[in-house]
N, C-alpha and C. Protein backbone atom coordinates (compact mmCIF):
# COMPACT_ATOMS: atom_id res chain seq x y z
N MET A 1 0.84 -1.18 0.00
CA MET A 1 0.00 0.00 0.00
C MET A 1 0.89 1.24 0.00
N SER A 2 0.60 2.17 -0.88
CA SER A 2 1.47 3.33 -1.00
C SER A 2 1.19 4.34 0.09
N ARG A 3 2.20 5.12 0.41
CA ARG A 3 2.08 6.14 1.45
C ARG A 3 1.68 7.46 0.81
N VAL A 4 0.39 7.55 0.44
CA VAL A 4 -0.16 8.74 -0.22
C VAL A 4 -1.43 9.15 0.52
N CYS A 5 -1.56 10.44 0.76
CA CYS A 5 -2.76 10.95 1.42
C CYS A 5 -3.93 10.83 0.44
N GLU A 6 -5.06 10.29 0.93
CA GLU A 6 -6.21 10.07 0.05
C GLU A 6 -7.02 11.34 -0.20
N LEU A 7 -6.77 12.40 0.56
CA LEU A 7 -7.52 13.64 0.36
C LEU A 7 -6.71 14.72 -0.36
N THR A 8 -5.41 14.79 -0.07
CA THR A 8 -4.60 15.85 -0.68
C THR A 8 -3.63 15.34 -1.73
N GLY A 9 -3.39 14.04 -1.77
CA GLY A 9 -2.45 13.49 -2.74
C GLY A 9 -0.99 13.66 -2.34
N LYS A 10 -0.74 14.10 -1.10
CA LYS A 10 0.64 14.26 -0.66
C LYS A 10 1.32 12.90 -0.61
N LYS A 11 2.60 12.86 -1.04
CA LYS A 11 3.35 11.62 -1.02
C LYS A 11 4.81 11.92 -0.67
N ALA A 12 5.64 10.90 -0.68
CA ALA A 12 7.03 11.04 -0.27
C ALA A 12 7.79 11.96 -1.22
N MET A 13 8.72 12.72 -0.63
CA MET A 13 9.62 13.58 -1.41
C MET A 13 11.03 13.01 -1.28
N VAL A 14 11.92 13.37 -2.21
CA VAL A 14 13.29 12.89 -2.19
C VAL A 14 14.21 14.07 -1.89
N GLY A 15 15.22 13.81 -1.06
CA GLY A 15 16.18 14.85 -0.72
C GLY A 15 17.51 14.22 -0.35
N ASN A 16 18.31 14.97 0.37
CA ASN A 16 19.63 14.51 0.75
C ASN A 16 19.83 14.57 2.26
N ASN A 17 20.56 13.58 2.80
CA ASN A 17 21.17 13.71 4.12
C ASN A 17 22.47 14.46 3.89
N VAL A 18 22.73 15.49 4.66
CA VAL A 18 23.96 16.26 4.49
C VAL A 18 24.75 16.18 5.79
N SER A 19 25.95 15.64 5.70
CA SER A 19 26.80 15.50 6.87
C SER A 19 27.53 16.81 7.15
N HIS A 20 28.24 16.84 8.26
CA HIS A 20 29.00 18.04 8.63
C HIS A 20 30.07 18.33 7.58
N ALA A 21 30.58 17.26 6.93
CA ALA A 21 31.60 17.42 5.88
C ALA A 21 30.97 17.69 4.51
N MET A 22 29.64 17.96 4.52
CA MET A 22 28.88 18.27 3.30
C MET A 22 28.77 17.09 2.34
N ASN A 23 28.95 15.85 2.83
CA ASN A 23 28.69 14.67 2.02
C ASN A 23 27.18 14.51 1.90
N LYS A 24 26.73 14.18 0.70
CA LYS A 24 25.29 14.06 0.47
C LYS A 24 24.92 12.64 0.07
N THR A 25 23.92 12.09 0.76
CA THR A 25 23.38 10.78 0.42
C THR A 25 21.88 10.92 0.28
N LYS A 26 21.32 10.20 -0.66
CA LYS A 26 19.88 10.30 -0.92
C LYS A 26 19.06 9.76 0.24
N ARG A 27 17.92 10.39 0.48
CA ARG A 27 16.98 9.92 1.50
C ARG A 27 15.57 10.26 1.06
N LYS A 28 14.61 9.75 1.80
CA LYS A 28 13.21 9.96 1.46
C LYS A 28 12.51 10.64 2.62
N PHE A 29 11.73 11.68 2.33
CA PHE A 29 10.90 12.36 3.32
C PHE A 29 9.47 11.84 3.13
N ASP A 30 9.02 10.97 4.03
CA ASP A 30 7.66 10.44 3.94
C ASP A 30 6.64 11.46 4.41
N ALA A 31 5.46 11.39 3.84
CA ALA A 31 4.36 12.24 4.29
C ALA A 31 3.93 11.78 5.69
N ASN A 32 3.47 12.71 6.49
CA ASN A 32 3.04 12.40 7.86
C ASN A 32 1.60 11.90 7.79
N LEU A 33 1.43 10.58 7.65
CA LEU A 33 0.11 9.99 7.43
C LEU A 33 -0.39 9.24 8.66
N ILE A 34 -1.70 9.29 8.85
CA ILE A 34 -2.36 8.51 9.88
C ILE A 34 -3.59 7.86 9.27
N LYS A 35 -3.98 6.71 9.83
CA LYS A 35 -5.18 6.02 9.39
C LYS A 35 -6.29 6.39 10.36
N LYS A 36 -7.40 6.94 9.86
CA LYS A 36 -8.44 7.46 10.74
C LYS A 36 -9.81 7.15 10.17
N ARG A 37 -10.75 6.85 11.09
CA ARG A 37 -12.14 6.61 10.69
C ARG A 37 -12.94 7.89 10.87
N PHE A 38 -13.76 8.19 9.87
CA PHE A 38 -14.62 9.37 9.91
C PHE A 38 -16.06 8.94 9.71
N TYR A 39 -16.97 9.59 10.43
CA TYR A 39 -18.40 9.34 10.26
C TYR A 39 -18.97 10.41 9.35
N ILE A 40 -19.67 9.97 8.30
CA ILE A 40 -20.31 10.89 7.36
C ILE A 40 -21.81 10.83 7.60
N PRO A 41 -22.38 11.85 8.27
CA PRO A 41 -23.81 11.79 8.62
C PRO A 41 -24.73 11.85 7.40
N GLU A 42 -24.29 12.52 6.33
CA GLU A 42 -25.13 12.62 5.13
C GLU A 42 -25.38 11.24 4.51
N GLU A 43 -24.36 10.37 4.54
CA GLU A 43 -24.48 9.03 3.98
C GLU A 43 -24.72 7.98 5.06
N ASP A 44 -24.69 8.38 6.32
CA ASP A 44 -24.89 7.52 7.47
C ASP A 44 -23.96 6.31 7.44
N LYS A 45 -22.66 6.57 7.25
CA LYS A 45 -21.68 5.48 7.24
C LYS A 45 -20.32 5.98 7.73
N TRP A 46 -19.49 5.02 8.12
CA TRP A 46 -18.12 5.27 8.54
C TRP A 46 -17.18 5.02 7.37
N VAL A 47 -16.15 5.85 7.23
CA VAL A 47 -15.17 5.71 6.17
C VAL A 47 -13.78 5.75 6.81
N THR A 48 -12.92 4.79 6.45
CA THR A 48 -11.55 4.79 6.93
C THR A 48 -10.66 5.38 5.84
N LEU A 49 -9.91 6.41 6.21
CA LEU A 49 -9.05 7.10 5.26
C LEU A 49 -7.63 7.16 5.79
N LYS A 50 -6.66 7.14 4.88
CA LYS A 50 -5.28 7.40 5.23
C LYS A 50 -5.01 8.84 4.84
N VAL A 51 -4.93 9.71 5.85
CA VAL A 51 -4.82 11.15 5.58
C VAL A 51 -3.56 11.72 6.22
N SER A 52 -3.05 12.79 5.63
CA SER A 52 -1.94 13.51 6.24
C SER A 52 -2.47 14.35 7.38
N THR A 53 -1.58 14.74 8.27
CA THR A 53 -2.01 15.52 9.42
C THR A 53 -2.49 16.91 8.99
N SER A 54 -1.95 17.43 7.89
CA SER A 54 -2.44 18.72 7.40
C SER A 54 -3.86 18.57 6.84
N ALA A 55 -4.16 17.43 6.23
CA ALA A 55 -5.53 17.17 5.76
C ALA A 55 -6.49 17.02 6.93
N LEU A 56 -5.99 16.46 8.04
CA LEU A 56 -6.80 16.31 9.24
C LEU A 56 -7.19 17.68 9.79
N LYS A 57 -6.26 18.62 9.75
CA LYS A 57 -6.56 19.99 10.18
C LYS A 57 -7.60 20.63 9.27
N THR A 58 -7.52 20.34 7.97
CA THR A 58 -8.49 20.86 7.02
C THR A 58 -9.87 20.27 7.29
N ILE A 59 -9.93 18.97 7.60
CA ILE A 59 -11.20 18.32 7.92
C ILE A 59 -11.82 18.95 9.17
N ASN A 60 -10.99 19.22 10.17
CA ASN A 60 -11.49 19.87 11.38
C ASN A 60 -12.03 21.26 11.09
N LYS A 61 -11.48 21.92 10.09
CA LYS A 61 -11.88 23.29 9.77
C LYS A 61 -13.14 23.34 8.91
N ILE A 62 -13.16 22.55 7.80
CA ILE A 62 -14.29 22.67 6.85
C ILE A 62 -15.27 21.51 6.93
N GLY A 63 -14.90 20.42 7.61
CA GLY A 63 -15.79 19.27 7.73
C GLY A 63 -15.43 18.16 6.75
N ILE A 64 -15.80 16.95 7.09
CA ILE A 64 -15.44 15.78 6.28
C ILE A 64 -16.17 15.76 4.95
N ALA A 65 -17.43 16.18 4.93
CA ALA A 65 -18.20 16.15 3.68
C ALA A 65 -17.60 17.10 2.65
N ALA A 66 -17.27 18.31 3.08
CA ALA A 66 -16.68 19.29 2.17
C ALA A 66 -15.29 18.85 1.72
N ALA A 67 -14.52 18.24 2.62
CA ALA A 67 -13.17 17.78 2.27
C ALA A 67 -13.23 16.65 1.24
N LEU A 68 -14.18 15.71 1.43
CA LEU A 68 -14.33 14.62 0.46
C LEU A 68 -14.79 15.15 -0.90
N LYS A 69 -15.69 16.12 -0.89
CA LYS A 69 -16.18 16.71 -2.14
C LYS A 69 -15.04 17.39 -2.89
N GLU A 70 -14.19 18.10 -2.17
CA GLU A 70 -13.05 18.78 -2.77
C GLU A 70 -12.04 17.77 -3.31
N ALA A 71 -11.81 16.68 -2.58
CA ALA A 71 -10.86 15.65 -3.02
C ALA A 71 -11.37 14.93 -4.26
N LYS A 72 -12.68 14.69 -4.33
CA LYS A 72 -13.25 14.05 -5.52
C LYS A 72 -13.12 14.96 -6.74
N ALA A 73 -13.30 16.26 -6.55
CA ALA A 73 -13.19 17.21 -7.65
C ALA A 73 -11.74 17.26 -8.19
N LYS A 74 -10.77 17.11 -7.29
CA LYS A 74 -9.38 17.13 -7.70
C LYS A 74 -8.88 15.77 -8.17
N GLY A 75 -9.69 14.71 -7.97
CA GLY A 75 -9.34 13.38 -8.46
C GLY A 75 -8.51 12.55 -7.51
N PHE A 76 -8.41 12.94 -6.23
CA PHE A 76 -7.63 12.18 -5.27
C PHE A 76 -8.46 11.09 -4.61
N TYR A 77 -9.76 11.27 -4.51
CA TYR A 77 -10.62 10.31 -3.82
C TYR A 77 -11.63 9.77 -4.82
N LYS A 78 -11.86 8.45 -4.77
CA LYS A 78 -12.74 7.80 -5.74
C LYS A 78 -14.20 8.09 -5.51
């Protein structure tokens, strides 16, 4: 299962570890994801989503229904 946020599409980025001697080695910055269940009262069902913590803040601000609608419009959520 890939580490991609289902609402925002955030995924891992690539960068470098940089030592004190300025040696660079490749590394991966994973998205900060959590698996969370949300209740959607309009559809009267529970949905389990893998979301980033920034998406969780957005859900708390605008609500799960609006966040899902926005994600569907952008093509991140089926």
